[in-house]
Amino acid sequence: MMIWSAAMRKKDGWKGDMESVQKPAPGELGIIHAFVNTADRMMGTERLTSPRELGNWLASQGLPSAGEELTEADLRRALAVREGLRALLAVNNGAALDAKAVARLEQAASPRFRVSFAGDGTGRLLTVSEGLDAAFGRLLAIVVAAQLGGEWKHLKACANPGCRGAFYDFTKNHSATWCATRRCGNLLNARAYRRFQRQLRAARVPYSFDTDDDDDF
C-alpha cells in the first residue's frame, strides 16, 4: 500500500481529506461509507487505532457493542471486516475481487440473523448476535439490503490504488471512478501527464546537418 507524502500531494495538486471532498452515501449505507473511510490512505491516517477508538466510533454510529469492553483481537477483527468491505467496493468500480480480503471478512464476522417482516410484507435481516458480532451483523445487513435495493453498486472504492477510499457515485450515469476529482482525479491526471511528457522527450531522436558533406543541392 502506498502512502502519499505531503510533498507528493502538493506536487500533484492534491486537495482535501476524504470528509472534506465527499457527500455521504444515502441512508444507512452511509454507515458503511464512513466505516471504510476510517482509514485514509492518501492522508496516511487511521481512526481505529485502539479498541477504545473502535468503541467510540461504534457509539458515534449507534452500532451495538458500544458499551462493551473491546480487545485488541476485536480491533483486528474490525479492521479485517473493514478491508473486506473495501475489497467489495473496489469490485463496484471494476476491480477484480480480492478473494483473500473477503475471506478474512467472512472469518472475522460470523453474526447470526433472523428475518423480520414489516406491515407491507417487506423482509429485513436483524442480527441476534451479541457484542461486536451484533455490530458486524448490522453492517452486513445494511450491505445485503443495499444490494437488494440497488444502491450498493453505487458505493465504490476509488480507482486510485493509493487511495481506495469509499465514495458514493451520485453522477447521473453512475460512471464516476475517483473518490473526488480534486483529490484523486487531478492527482492521477497530473501524474499521467508528466509521464506522457517524459515518454515524449525520450522518444525524440536528435539530428543535425553535416555541413562538411560534399553533396550539394
Protein backbone atom coordinates (compact mmCIF):
# COMPACT_ATOMS: atom_id res chain seq x y z
CA MET A 1 0.00 0.00 0.00
CA MET A 2 1.42 3.38 -0.98
CA ILE A 3 1.08 6.33 1.39
CA TRP A 4 1.43 9.63 -0.45
CA SER A 5 3.74 12.06 1.29
CA ALA A 6 2.80 15.71 1.77
CA ALA A 7 5.39 16.69 -0.86
CA MET A 8 3.93 14.24 -3.39
CA ARG A 9 0.40 15.52 -2.76
CA LYS A 10 1.48 19.15 -3.16
CA LYS A 11 3.39 18.36 -6.36
CA ASP A 12 0.38 16.66 -7.90
CA GLY A 13 -2.11 19.36 -6.93
CA TRP A 14 -3.91 17.14 -4.44
CA LYS A 15 -6.51 18.75 -2.19
CA GLY A 16 -8.70 17.65 0.65
CA ASP A 17 -9.12 14.81 3.10
CA MET A 18 -11.90 12.31 2.49
CA GLU A 19 -14.59 14.00 4.58
CA SER A 20 -13.99 17.44 3.04
CA VAL A 21 -14.48 16.34 -0.57
CA GLN A 22 -17.40 13.90 -0.34
CA LYS A 23 -21.12 13.68 0.24
CA PRO A 24 -22.13 10.74 2.46
CA ALA A 25 -23.95 7.79 0.95
CA PRO A 26 -27.72 7.94 1.47
CA GLY A 27 -29.48 6.29 4.39
CA GLU A 28 -27.87 3.53 6.40
CA LEU A 29 -25.41 2.91 3.59
CA GLY A 30 -23.67 5.99 4.95
CA ILE A 31 -22.51 3.86 7.89
CA ILE A 32 -20.64 1.52 5.54
CA HIS A 33 -19.25 4.55 3.72
CA ALA A 34 -17.99 6.05 6.98
CA PHE A 35 -16.62 2.73 8.27
CA VAL A 36 -14.46 2.10 5.21
CA ASN A 37 -13.17 5.67 5.37
CA THR A 38 -11.98 5.39 8.97
CA ALA A 39 -8.65 4.77 7.22
CA ASP A 40 -7.49 7.37 4.71
CA ARG A 41 -4.55 6.01 2.73
CA MET A 42 -3.92 9.29 0.96
CA MET A 43 -3.61 11.17 4.24
CA GLY A 44 -1.91 8.23 5.95
CA THR A 45 -4.43 8.43 8.80
CA GLU A 46 -6.21 5.73 10.81
CA ARG A 47 -9.09 6.46 13.19
CA LEU A 48 -9.36 2.95 14.62
CA THR A 49 -6.01 2.93 16.40
CA SER A 50 -7.13 1.15 19.56
CA PRO A 51 -10.03 -0.87 20.98
CA ARG A 52 -11.19 2.30 22.72
CA GLU A 53 -11.26 4.27 19.46
CA LEU A 54 -13.17 1.42 17.84
CA GLY A 55 -15.73 1.60 20.65
CA ASN A 56 -16.00 5.36 20.24
CA TRP A 57 -16.62 5.01 16.51
CA LEU A 58 -19.28 2.34 17.03
CA ALA A 59 -21.01 4.59 19.54
CA SER A 60 -20.92 7.53 17.13
CA GLN A 61 -22.79 5.40 14.57
CA GLY A 62 -25.30 3.97 17.03
CA LEU A 63 -23.98 0.45 16.49
CA PRO A 64 -24.22 -2.32 19.11
CA SER A 65 -21.35 -3.25 21.45
CA ALA A 66 -20.51 0.42 22.07
CA GLY A 67 -20.56 -0.17 25.82
CA GLU A 68 -18.63 -3.41 25.66
CA GLU A 69 -15.01 -3.75 26.73
CA LEU A 70 -13.28 -4.36 23.43
CA THR A 71 -9.92 -6.06 22.98
CA GLU A 72 -7.01 -5.96 20.55
CA ALA A 73 -8.41 -9.12 18.98
CA ASP A 74 -11.72 -7.30 18.46
CA LEU A 75 -9.88 -4.44 16.79
CA ARG A 76 -8.12 -6.85 14.41
CA ARG A 77 -11.47 -8.39 13.52
CA ALA A 78 -12.99 -4.96 12.86
CA LEU A 79 -10.12 -3.99 10.58
CA ALA A 80 -10.49 -7.26 8.67
CA VAL A 81 -14.20 -6.56 8.19
CA ARG A 82 -13.46 -3.02 7.04
CA GLU A 83 -10.85 -4.07 4.49
CA GLY A 84 -13.10 -6.85 3.22
CA LEU A 85 -15.83 -4.28 2.63
CA ARG A 86 -13.30 -2.07 0.84
CA ALA A 87 -12.48 -5.01 -1.45
CA LEU A 88 -16.17 -5.42 -2.27
CA LEU A 89 -16.48 -1.72 -3.07
CA ALA A 90 -13.50 -1.98 -5.41
CA VAL A 91 -15.44 -4.59 -7.39
CA ASN A 92 -18.20 -1.99 -7.83
CA ASN A 93 -15.59 0.14 -9.61
CA GLY A 94 -14.40 -2.57 -11.99
CA ALA A 95 -11.58 -4.12 -9.93
CA ALA A 96 -11.10 -7.85 -9.57
CA LEU A 97 -12.33 -9.31 -6.31
CA ASP A 98 -9.67 -9.58 -3.60
CA ALA A 99 -10.76 -13.05 -2.50
CA LYS A 100 -8.32 -13.15 0.43
CA ALA A 101 -9.65 -9.90 1.88
CA VAL A 102 -13.24 -11.11 1.55
CA ALA A 103 -12.33 -14.46 3.14
CA ARG A 104 -10.83 -12.58 6.11
CA LEU A 105 -14.08 -10.61 6.38
CA GLU A 106 -16.12 -13.81 6.41
CA GLN A 107 -13.87 -15.31 9.06
CA ALA A 108 -13.87 -12.19 11.25
CA ALA A 109 -17.61 -11.60 11.12
CA SER A 110 -19.98 -14.50 11.72
CA PRO A 111 -23.18 -12.97 13.09
CA ARG A 112 -26.49 -14.81 13.40
CA PHE A 113 -29.63 -13.35 11.86
CA ARG A 114 -33.37 -13.64 11.89
CA VAL A 115 -35.83 -12.22 9.37
CA SER A 116 -38.37 -9.62 10.42
CA PHE A 117 -41.30 -8.63 8.20
CA ALA A 118 -42.84 -5.15 8.14
CA GLY A 119 -46.54 -4.38 7.72
CA ASP A 120 -46.15 -4.20 3.95
CA GLY A 121 -44.56 -7.64 3.86
CA THR A 122 -41.01 -6.37 3.32
CA GLY A 123 -38.40 -8.59 4.94
CA ARG A 124 -35.39 -7.34 6.86
CA LEU A 125 -32.38 -9.10 8.34
CA LEU A 126 -31.93 -8.49 12.07
CA THR A 127 -28.91 -9.73 13.96
CA VAL A 128 -29.46 -11.87 17.03
CA SER A 129 -25.78 -11.93 17.93
CA GLU A 130 -24.31 -10.09 20.88
CA GLY A 131 -21.28 -7.88 21.40
CA LEU A 132 -19.13 -6.94 18.47
CA ASP A 133 -20.80 -9.57 16.28
CA ALA A 134 -24.04 -7.60 16.67
CA ALA A 135 -22.30 -4.56 15.18
CA PHE A 136 -20.88 -6.66 12.36
CA GLY A 137 -24.32 -8.13 11.79
CA ARG A 138 -25.81 -4.67 11.45
CA LEU A 139 -23.15 -3.69 8.92
CA LEU A 140 -23.60 -6.81 6.82
CA ALA A 141 -27.39 -6.49 6.96
CA ILE A 142 -27.02 -2.97 5.55
CA VAL A 143 -24.87 -4.38 2.73
CA VAL A 144 -27.42 -7.07 1.84
CA ALA A 145 -30.32 -4.58 1.95
CA ALA A 146 -28.41 -2.17 -0.31
CA GLN A 147 -27.61 -4.97 -2.75
CA LEU A 148 -31.28 -5.94 -2.94
CA GLY A 149 -32.36 -2.31 -3.27
CA GLY A 150 -29.85 -1.48 -5.99
CA GLU A 151 -27.93 1.21 -4.09
CA TRP A 152 -24.93 -0.98 -3.33
CA LYS A 153 -23.40 -0.83 -6.82
CA HIS A 154 -23.11 2.97 -6.49
CA LEU A 155 -20.93 2.78 -3.38
CA LYS A 156 -17.44 2.30 -4.77
CA ALA A 157 -13.78 2.27 -3.82
CA CYS A 158 -11.67 4.89 -5.59
CA ALA A 159 -9.86 3.66 -8.70
CA ASN A 160 -6.62 5.18 -7.43
CA PRO A 161 -4.67 2.21 -5.95
CA GLY A 162 -3.01 4.57 -3.49
CA CYS A 163 -6.39 5.66 -2.17
CA ARG A 164 -9.20 3.09 -2.49
CA GLY A 165 -11.36 5.37 -0.36
CA ALA A 166 -15.09 4.76 -0.38
CA PHE A 167 -17.36 7.16 -2.26
CA TYR A 168 -20.97 7.16 -3.40
CA ASP A 169 -21.43 7.73 -7.13
CA PHE A 170 -24.09 10.44 -7.42
CA THR A 171 -23.47 11.06 -11.14
CA LYS A 172 -26.45 10.61 -13.45
CA ASN A 173 -24.87 7.78 -15.44
CA HIS A 174 -23.02 6.36 -12.39
CA SER A 175 -19.69 6.46 -14.22
CA ALA A 176 -17.52 8.11 -11.56
CA THR A 177 -14.22 6.36 -10.88
CA TRP A 178 -12.45 8.70 -8.40
CA CYS A 179 -13.47 9.47 -4.84
CA ALA A 180 -13.23 13.13 -5.91
CA THR A 181 -11.78 14.82 -8.98
CA ARG A 182 -9.90 17.44 -6.97
CA ARG A 183 -8.48 14.74 -4.74
CA CYS A 184 -7.51 11.71 -6.82
CA GLY A 185 -8.68 12.58 -10.33
CA ASN A 186 -6.44 15.63 -10.58
CA LEU A 187 -3.57 13.78 -8.93
CA LEU A 188 -3.66 10.84 -11.31
CA ASN A 189 -4.20 13.07 -14.33
CA ALA A 190 -1.21 15.20 -13.33
CA ARG A 191 0.98 12.13 -12.90
CA ALA A 192 -0.18 10.69 -16.22
CA TYR A 193 0.57 14.00 -17.98
CA ARG A 194 4.08 14.15 -16.56
CA ARG A 195 4.66 10.52 -17.53
CA PHE A 196 3.48 11.27 -21.08
CA GLN A 197 5.80 14.26 -21.28
CA ARG A 198 8.76 12.14 -20.16
CA GLN A 199 7.92 9.49 -22.76
CA LEU A 200 7.61 12.18 -25.41
CA ARG A 201 11.01 13.62 -24.58
CA ALA A 202 12.58 10.15 -24.52
CA ALA A 203 11.14 9.37 -27.97
CA ARG A 204 12.71 12.38 -29.64
CA VAL A 205 15.63 11.43 -31.96
CA PRO A 206 18.32 14.12 -32.13
CA TYR A 207 19.57 15.00 -35.60
CA SER A 208 21.93 17.53 -37.18
CA PHE A 209 23.04 18.64 -40.60
CA ASP A 210 26.61 17.72 -41.61
CA THR A 211 28.00 20.92 -43.07
CA ASP A 212 31.07 19.08 -44.34
CA ASP A 213 29.03 16.81 -46.59
CA ASP A 214 30.29 17.05 -50.19
CA ASP A 215 26.83 16.53 -51.59
CA ASP A 216 25.39 19.85 -52.73
CA PHE A 217 21.78 20.51 -53.50
